[in-house]
Amino acid sequence: MQLILFIYLKTTRMKGSWKSIVLYVIRIIELVLTGAAGGAASQLF
């Protein structure tokens, strides 16, 4: 929940530049996915 709130506050400050908002959100999703993938891989071994 805090992460969503943080993203929301961050994006509301960048009102005009929607491209940077999209890139920012994609980067965060990528970090979450790689973190989840890393966690799953470490549990397998």
Protein backbone atom coordinates (compact mmCIF):
# COMPACT_ATOMS: atom_id res chain seq x y z
CA MET A 1 0.00 0.00 0.00
CA GLN A 2 2.80 2.43 0.85
CA LEU A 3 4.47 1.68 -2.50
CA ILE A 4 1.26 2.52 -4.39
CA LEU A 5 0.90 5.75 -2.42
CA PHE A 6 4.54 6.62 -3.12
CA ILE A 7 4.09 6.01 -6.87
CA TYR A 8 0.90 8.09 -6.84
CA LEU A 9 2.57 11.04 -5.11
CA LYS A 10 5.58 10.78 -7.42
CA THR A 11 3.42 10.74 -10.56
CA THR A 12 1.16 13.61 -9.46
CA ARG A 13 4.25 15.81 -9.23
CA MET A 14 5.21 14.92 -12.84
CA LYS A 15 1.88 16.03 -14.29
CA GLY A 16 2.90 17.13 -17.79
CA SER A 17 5.34 14.39 -18.71
CA TRP A 18 3.28 11.20 -19.01
CA LYS A 19 6.13 9.41 -20.79
CA SER A 20 8.39 9.71 -17.75
CA ILE A 21 5.52 8.49 -15.56
CA VAL A 22 5.05 5.38 -17.73
CA LEU A 23 8.80 4.67 -17.74
CA TYR A 24 8.94 5.15 -13.97
CA VAL A 25 6.05 2.74 -13.36
CA ILE A 26 7.54 0.16 -15.75
CA ARG A 27 10.88 0.39 -13.94
CA ILE A 28 9.20 -0.23 -10.56
CA ILE A 29 7.21 -3.20 -11.93
CA GLU A 30 10.42 -4.59 -13.40
CA LEU A 31 12.16 -4.29 -10.02
CA VAL A 32 9.26 -6.02 -8.28
CA LEU A 33 9.19 -8.84 -10.84
CA THR A 34 12.94 -9.44 -10.72
CA GLY A 35 12.79 -9.39 -6.93
CA ALA A 36 9.93 -11.89 -6.95
CA ALA A 37 11.74 -14.07 -9.50
CA GLY A 38 14.91 -13.94 -7.40
CA GLY A 39 12.95 -14.90 -4.29
CA ALA A 40 11.27 -17.82 -6.08
CA ALA A 41 14.59 -19.03 -7.51
CA SER A 42 16.26 -18.91 -4.09
CA GLN A 43 13.45 -21.01 -2.61
CA LEU A 44 13.89 -23.69 -5.28
CA PHE A 45 17.54 -24.30 -4.39
